[in-house]
Amino acid sequence: MEHKVKGRKFKRNAKSRKALMRGLACALINREKIKTTLAKAKELRPFTERLITKAKKGTPSQKKKIISILDQKKAYLHLIRDLSKKYIDRNGGYTRIVKLGPRKGDGAEMAIIELI
């Protein structure tokens, strides 16, 4: 039984999962819309929303935390300069997941995750 087990493992170790989330978050922040599997989109949503909330606060300590999480300077700057101002009046719910159906090759459920 897997009661109260939070998060998906994606058949990866902890470092690989962290790198996967960082990469997906950077891609989502830069492009504002990405296509991925449904499971990855569902894991990415809270990860990205926490980053946007930290960027909205705008304190130096929050900016340091964002820098330590995101690998790309381009994504960090876009998040601080543009997205934090865009969502200043919104209390959460910055992302939307749209289901696309199964992938042709392996049948994995696909989805588009986008910033609203």
N, C-alpha and C. Protein backbone atom coordinates (compact mmCIF):
# COMPACT_ATOMS: atom_id res chain seq x y z
N MET A 1 0.83 -1.19 0.00
CA MET A 1 0.00 0.00 0.00
C MET A 1 0.87 1.25 0.00
N GLU A 2 0.41 2.27 -0.67
CA GLU A 2 1.17 3.51 -0.76
C GLU A 2 0.39 4.67 -0.16
N HIS A 3 -0.04 4.50 1.07
CA HIS A 3 -0.79 5.56 1.73
C HIS A 3 0.14 6.72 2.07
N LYS A 4 -0.32 7.92 1.81
CA LYS A 4 0.39 9.17 2.15
C LYS A 4 1.77 9.26 1.52
N VAL A 5 1.97 8.63 0.37
CA VAL A 5 3.22 8.76 -0.37
C VAL A 5 3.00 9.85 -1.41
N LYS A 6 3.76 10.93 -1.29
CA LYS A 6 3.54 12.08 -2.15
C LYS A 6 4.57 12.10 -3.28
N GLY A 7 4.13 12.45 -4.46
CA GLY A 7 5.04 12.63 -5.59
C GLY A 7 5.25 11.37 -6.40
N ARG A 8 5.70 11.57 -7.61
CA ARG A 8 5.98 10.48 -8.52
C ARG A 8 7.50 10.31 -8.65
N LYS A 9 7.94 9.09 -8.92
CA LYS A 9 9.37 8.83 -9.00
C LYS A 9 9.89 8.83 -10.43
N PHE A 10 9.06 8.54 -11.41
CA PHE A 10 9.45 8.50 -12.82
C PHE A 10 10.62 7.55 -13.09
N LYS A 11 10.78 6.52 -12.28
CA LYS A 11 11.88 5.55 -12.41
C LYS A 11 13.25 6.24 -12.43
N ARG A 12 13.41 7.27 -11.61
CA ARG A 12 14.66 8.01 -11.53
C ARG A 12 15.07 8.13 -10.08
N ASN A 13 16.36 8.37 -9.87
CA ASN A 13 16.80 8.64 -8.50
C ASN A 13 16.52 10.11 -8.17
N ALA A 14 16.80 10.52 -6.95
CA ALA A 14 16.41 11.86 -6.49
C ALA A 14 17.07 12.97 -7.29
N LYS A 15 18.35 12.81 -7.62
CA LYS A 15 19.06 13.85 -8.37
C LYS A 15 18.49 14.00 -9.79
N SER A 16 18.16 12.87 -10.40
CA SER A 16 17.60 12.92 -11.75
C SER A 16 16.21 13.54 -11.76
N ARG A 17 15.40 13.23 -10.73
CA ARG A 17 14.07 13.83 -10.63
C ARG A 17 14.16 15.34 -10.43
N LYS A 18 15.10 15.76 -9.61
CA LYS A 18 15.29 17.19 -9.36
C LYS A 18 15.73 17.90 -10.64
N ALA A 19 16.65 17.28 -11.38
CA ALA A 19 17.12 17.85 -12.64
C ALA A 19 15.99 17.90 -13.67
N LEU A 20 15.15 16.87 -13.70
CA LEU A 20 14.01 16.84 -14.60
C LEU A 20 13.06 18.00 -14.32
N MET A 21 12.72 18.21 -13.05
CA MET A 21 11.81 19.30 -12.68
C MET A 21 12.41 20.66 -12.98
N ARG A 22 13.71 20.81 -12.73
CA ARG A 22 14.37 22.07 -13.05
C ARG A 22 14.31 22.37 -14.55
N GLY A 23 14.62 21.35 -15.34
CA GLY A 23 14.60 21.53 -16.79
C GLY A 23 13.22 21.85 -17.33
N LEU A 24 12.22 21.12 -16.84
CA LEU A 24 10.85 21.37 -17.28
C LEU A 24 10.38 22.76 -16.83
N ALA A 25 10.75 23.16 -15.62
CA ALA A 25 10.35 24.48 -15.11
C ALA A 25 11.00 25.59 -15.94
N CYS A 26 12.28 25.44 -16.27
CA CYS A 26 12.95 26.44 -17.09
C CYS A 26 12.30 26.53 -18.47
N ALA A 27 11.97 25.39 -19.06
CA ALA A 27 11.32 25.39 -20.37
C ALA A 27 9.95 26.06 -20.30
N LEU A 28 9.19 25.76 -19.25
CA LEU A 28 7.86 26.35 -19.10
C LEU A 28 7.94 27.85 -18.88
N ILE A 29 8.89 28.30 -18.09
CA ILE A 29 9.04 29.73 -17.82
C ILE A 29 9.49 30.47 -19.07
N ASN A 30 10.41 29.89 -19.82
CA ASN A 30 10.91 30.55 -21.04
C ASN A 30 9.86 30.58 -22.14
N ARG A 31 9.20 29.45 -22.39
CA ARG A 31 8.27 29.34 -23.52
C ARG A 31 6.82 29.63 -23.14
N GLU A 32 6.50 29.52 -21.87
CA GLU A 32 5.16 29.73 -21.32
C GLU A 32 4.15 28.68 -21.75
N LYS A 33 4.58 27.64 -22.46
CA LYS A 33 3.71 26.56 -22.88
C LYS A 33 4.58 25.40 -23.37
N ILE A 34 4.41 24.21 -22.77
CA ILE A 34 5.17 23.05 -23.21
C ILE A 34 4.26 21.82 -23.30
N LYS A 35 4.67 20.87 -24.12
CA LYS A 35 3.95 19.62 -24.27
C LYS A 35 4.77 18.52 -23.60
N THR A 36 4.15 17.78 -22.70
CA THR A 36 4.84 16.73 -21.97
C THR A 36 3.82 15.66 -21.57
N THR A 37 4.26 14.65 -20.84
CA THR A 37 3.30 13.64 -20.39
C THR A 37 2.44 14.21 -19.27
N LEU A 38 1.30 13.62 -19.08
CA LEU A 38 0.35 14.11 -18.07
C LEU A 38 0.93 14.01 -16.67
N ALA A 39 1.62 12.93 -16.37
CA ALA A 39 2.20 12.76 -15.04
C ALA A 39 3.25 13.83 -14.75
N LYS A 40 4.11 14.12 -15.73
CA LYS A 40 5.12 15.15 -15.54
C LYS A 40 4.49 16.52 -15.40
N ALA A 41 3.43 16.78 -16.15
CA ALA A 41 2.73 18.06 -16.05
C ALA A 41 2.12 18.24 -14.66
N LYS A 42 1.55 17.17 -14.12
CA LYS A 42 0.94 17.25 -12.79
C LYS A 42 1.99 17.47 -11.70
N GLU A 43 3.17 16.94 -11.87
CA GLU A 43 4.25 17.17 -10.91
C GLU A 43 4.85 18.56 -11.07
N LEU A 44 4.88 19.05 -12.30
CA LEU A 44 5.49 20.35 -12.59
C LEU A 44 4.65 21.51 -12.08
N ARG A 45 3.34 21.35 -12.07
CA ARG A 45 2.45 22.44 -11.69
C ARG A 45 2.78 23.04 -10.30
N PRO A 46 2.80 22.27 -9.21
CA PRO A 46 3.10 22.91 -7.92
C PRO A 46 4.53 23.44 -7.84
N PHE A 47 5.46 22.76 -8.51
CA PHE A 47 6.86 23.20 -8.52
C PHE A 47 6.97 24.61 -9.12
N THR A 48 6.33 24.82 -10.26
CA THR A 48 6.39 26.11 -10.94
C THR A 48 5.60 27.18 -10.20
N GLU A 49 4.46 26.80 -9.66
CA GLU A 49 3.65 27.79 -8.96
C GLU A 49 4.36 28.31 -7.71
N ARG A 50 5.10 27.46 -7.04
CA ARG A 50 5.89 27.93 -5.89
C ARG A 50 6.96 28.93 -6.32
N LEU A 51 7.59 28.67 -7.48
CA LEU A 51 8.61 29.60 -7.99
C LEU A 51 7.99 30.95 -8.31
N ILE A 52 6.83 30.97 -8.93
CA ILE A 52 6.18 32.23 -9.29
C ILE A 52 5.79 33.00 -8.03
N THR A 53 5.30 32.30 -7.02
CA THR A 53 4.94 32.96 -5.77
C THR A 53 6.16 33.57 -5.11
N LYS A 54 7.29 32.87 -5.13
CA LYS A 54 8.52 33.43 -4.57
C LYS A 54 8.97 34.65 -5.35
N ALA A 55 8.82 34.61 -6.68
CA ALA A 55 9.22 35.75 -7.51
C ALA A 55 8.33 36.96 -7.24
N LYS A 56 7.06 36.72 -6.95
CA LYS A 56 6.14 37.82 -6.67
C LYS A 56 6.52 38.56 -5.39
N LYS A 57 7.02 37.83 -4.39
CA LYS A 57 7.42 38.47 -3.14
C LYS A 57 8.58 39.43 -3.38
N GLY A 58 9.54 39.02 -4.19
CA GLY A 58 10.60 39.90 -4.64
C GLY A 58 11.66 40.26 -3.62
N THR A 59 11.70 39.60 -2.47
CA THR A 59 12.74 39.90 -1.49
C THR A 59 14.06 39.28 -1.95
N PRO A 60 15.17 39.82 -1.50
CA PRO A 60 16.47 39.27 -1.91
C PRO A 60 16.65 37.79 -1.54
N SER A 61 16.12 37.39 -0.39
CA SER A 61 16.25 35.98 0.00
C SER A 61 15.44 35.07 -0.92
N GLN A 62 14.27 35.54 -1.34
CA GLN A 62 13.46 34.75 -2.27
C GLN A 62 14.14 34.65 -3.63
N LYS A 63 14.78 35.74 -4.07
CA LYS A 63 15.50 35.72 -5.34
C LYS A 63 16.67 34.74 -5.30
N LYS A 64 17.35 34.67 -4.15
CA LYS A 64 18.46 33.71 -4.01
C LYS A 64 17.96 32.28 -4.08
N LYS A 65 16.80 32.03 -3.48
CA LYS A 65 16.22 30.68 -3.54
C LYS A 65 15.88 30.31 -4.98
N ILE A 66 15.33 31.26 -5.73
CA ILE A 66 14.97 31.00 -7.12
C ILE A 66 16.22 30.72 -7.95
N ILE A 67 17.28 31.50 -7.73
CA ILE A 67 18.54 31.29 -8.44
C ILE A 67 19.10 29.90 -8.14
N SER A 68 18.99 29.47 -6.88
CA SER A 68 19.52 28.15 -6.52
C SER A 68 18.70 27.02 -7.14
N ILE A 69 17.43 27.27 -7.42
CA ILE A 69 16.58 26.24 -8.00
C ILE A 69 16.71 26.20 -9.52
N LEU A 70 16.64 27.36 -10.17
CA LEU A 70 16.69 27.40 -11.64
C LEU A 70 18.13 27.41 -12.13
N ASP A 71 18.38 26.69 -13.20
CA ASP A 71 19.73 26.61 -13.76
C ASP A 71 20.01 27.73 -14.74
N GLN A 72 19.01 28.16 -15.46
CA GLN A 72 19.21 29.11 -16.56
C GLN A 72 18.97 30.54 -16.11
N LYS A 73 19.91 31.40 -16.44
CA LYS A 73 19.77 32.81 -16.10
C LYS A 73 18.62 33.46 -16.87
N LYS A 74 18.42 33.01 -18.12
CA LYS A 74 17.34 33.53 -18.95
C LYS A 74 15.98 33.28 -18.30
N ALA A 75 15.78 32.08 -17.78
CA ALA A 75 14.52 31.73 -17.13
C ALA A 75 14.33 32.55 -15.86
N TYR A 76 15.39 32.70 -15.09
CA TYR A 76 15.32 33.50 -13.85
C TYR A 76 14.93 34.94 -14.16
N LEU A 77 15.57 35.55 -15.14
CA LEU A 77 15.27 36.94 -15.48
C LEU A 77 13.85 37.11 -16.00
N HIS A 78 13.40 36.16 -16.82
CA HIS A 78 12.03 36.23 -17.34
C HIS A 78 11.01 36.11 -16.20
N LEU A 79 11.33 35.24 -15.25
CA LEU A 79 10.44 35.04 -14.11
C LEU A 79 10.37 36.29 -13.24
N ILE A 80 11.50 36.90 -12.95
CA ILE A 80 11.54 38.07 -12.07
C ILE A 80 10.98 39.31 -12.77
N ARG A 81 11.41 39.56 -14.00
CA ARG A 81 11.04 40.80 -14.69
C ARG A 81 9.60 40.80 -15.22
N ASP A 82 9.22 39.70 -15.88
CA ASP A 82 7.95 39.70 -16.60
C ASP A 82 6.83 38.98 -15.85
N LEU A 83 7.06 37.73 -15.49
CA LEU A 83 5.98 36.92 -14.94
C LEU A 83 5.55 37.38 -13.55
N SER A 84 6.48 37.84 -12.73
CA SER A 84 6.09 38.28 -11.39
C SER A 84 5.18 39.50 -11.46
N LYS A 85 5.41 40.37 -12.43
CA LYS A 85 4.55 41.54 -12.60
C LYS A 85 3.21 41.16 -13.22
N LYS A 86 3.22 40.14 -14.08
CA LYS A 86 1.99 39.70 -14.74
C LYS A 86 1.00 39.10 -13.73
N TYR A 87 1.53 38.39 -12.74
CA TYR A 87 0.68 37.69 -11.78
C TYR A 87 0.58 38.38 -10.43
N ILE A 88 0.92 39.65 -10.33
CA ILE A 88 0.96 40.34 -9.05
C ILE A 88 -0.39 40.36 -8.34
N ASP A 89 -1.49 40.43 -9.11
CA ASP A 89 -2.82 40.49 -8.51
C ASP A 89 -3.50 39.13 -8.39
N ARG A 90 -2.85 38.09 -8.86
CA ARG A 90 -3.46 36.75 -8.87
C ARG A 90 -2.95 35.94 -7.68
N ASN A 91 -3.87 35.29 -6.98
CA ASN A 91 -3.51 34.48 -5.81
C ASN A 91 -3.47 33.01 -6.18
N GLY A 92 -2.41 32.58 -6.81
CA GLY A 92 -2.26 31.18 -7.19
C GLY A 92 -2.98 30.86 -8.48
N GLY A 93 -2.85 29.61 -8.92
CA GLY A 93 -3.50 29.17 -10.14
C GLY A 93 -2.89 29.78 -11.38
N TYR A 94 -1.56 29.72 -11.48
CA TYR A 94 -0.86 30.36 -12.59
C TYR A 94 -0.75 29.45 -13.81
N THR A 95 -1.02 28.16 -13.64
CA THR A 95 -0.83 27.22 -14.74
C THR A 95 -2.14 26.51 -15.09
N ARG A 96 -2.18 25.99 -16.31
CA ARG A 96 -3.32 25.22 -16.80
C ARG A 96 -2.79 23.98 -17.48
N ILE A 97 -3.44 22.84 -17.23
CA ILE A 97 -3.08 21.59 -17.88
C ILE A 97 -4.23 21.18 -18.80
N VAL A 98 -3.91 20.95 -20.07
CA VAL A 98 -4.90 20.51 -21.05
C VAL A 98 -4.48 19.12 -21.54
N LYS A 99 -5.37 18.14 -21.37
CA LYS A 99 -5.07 16.77 -21.79
C LYS A 99 -5.19 16.66 -23.31
N LEU A 100 -4.27 15.89 -23.91
CA LEU A 100 -4.25 15.74 -25.36
C LEU A 100 -4.63 14.34 -25.83
N GLY A 101 -4.50 13.35 -24.99
CA GLY A 101 -4.76 11.98 -25.40
C GLY A 101 -3.47 11.19 -25.44
N PRO A 102 -3.54 9.94 -25.87
CA PRO A 102 -2.35 9.08 -25.84
C PRO A 102 -1.34 9.41 -26.94
N ARG A 103 -0.07 9.21 -26.62
CA ARG A 103 1.01 9.37 -27.59
C ARG A 103 1.00 8.16 -28.52
N LYS A 104 1.32 8.39 -29.77
CA LYS A 104 1.22 7.33 -30.77
C LYS A 104 2.21 6.20 -30.52
N GLY A 105 3.41 6.50 -30.09
CA GLY A 105 4.44 5.48 -29.96
C GLY A 105 4.21 4.50 -28.83
N ASP A 106 3.99 5.01 -27.61
CA ASP A 106 3.88 4.12 -26.45
C ASP A 106 2.57 4.25 -25.69
N GLY A 107 1.69 5.12 -26.13
CA GLY A 107 0.39 5.24 -25.50
C GLY A 107 0.37 6.06 -24.22
N ALA A 108 1.46 6.78 -23.93
CA ALA A 108 1.50 7.61 -22.73
C ALA A 108 0.55 8.79 -22.88
N GLU A 109 -0.17 9.11 -21.81
CA GLU A 109 -1.09 10.25 -21.85
C GLU A 109 -0.28 11.54 -21.96
N MET A 110 -0.61 12.36 -22.95
CA MET A 110 0.09 13.60 -23.17
C MET A 110 -0.76 14.79 -22.73
N ALA A 111 -0.09 15.89 -22.42
CA ALA A 111 -0.78 17.09 -21.98
C ALA A 111 0.05 18.32 -22.33
N ILE A 112 -0.63 19.44 -22.40
CA ILE A 112 0.03 20.74 -22.55
C ILE A 112 -0.13 21.46 -21.24
N ILE A 113 0.99 21.95 -20.70
CA ILE A 113 0.94 22.77 -19.50
C ILE A 113 1.35 24.18 -19.93
N GLU A 114 0.55 25.16 -19.53
CA GLU A 114 0.81 26.52 -19.96
C GLU A 114 0.57 27.48 -18.82
N LEU A 115 1.22 28.63 -18.91
CA LEU A 115 0.99 29.70 -17.96
C LEU A 115 -0.22 30.49 -18.41
N ILE A 116 -1.12 30.80 -17.50
CA ILE A 116 -2.35 31.51 -17.84
C ILE A 116 -2.04 32.99 -18.00
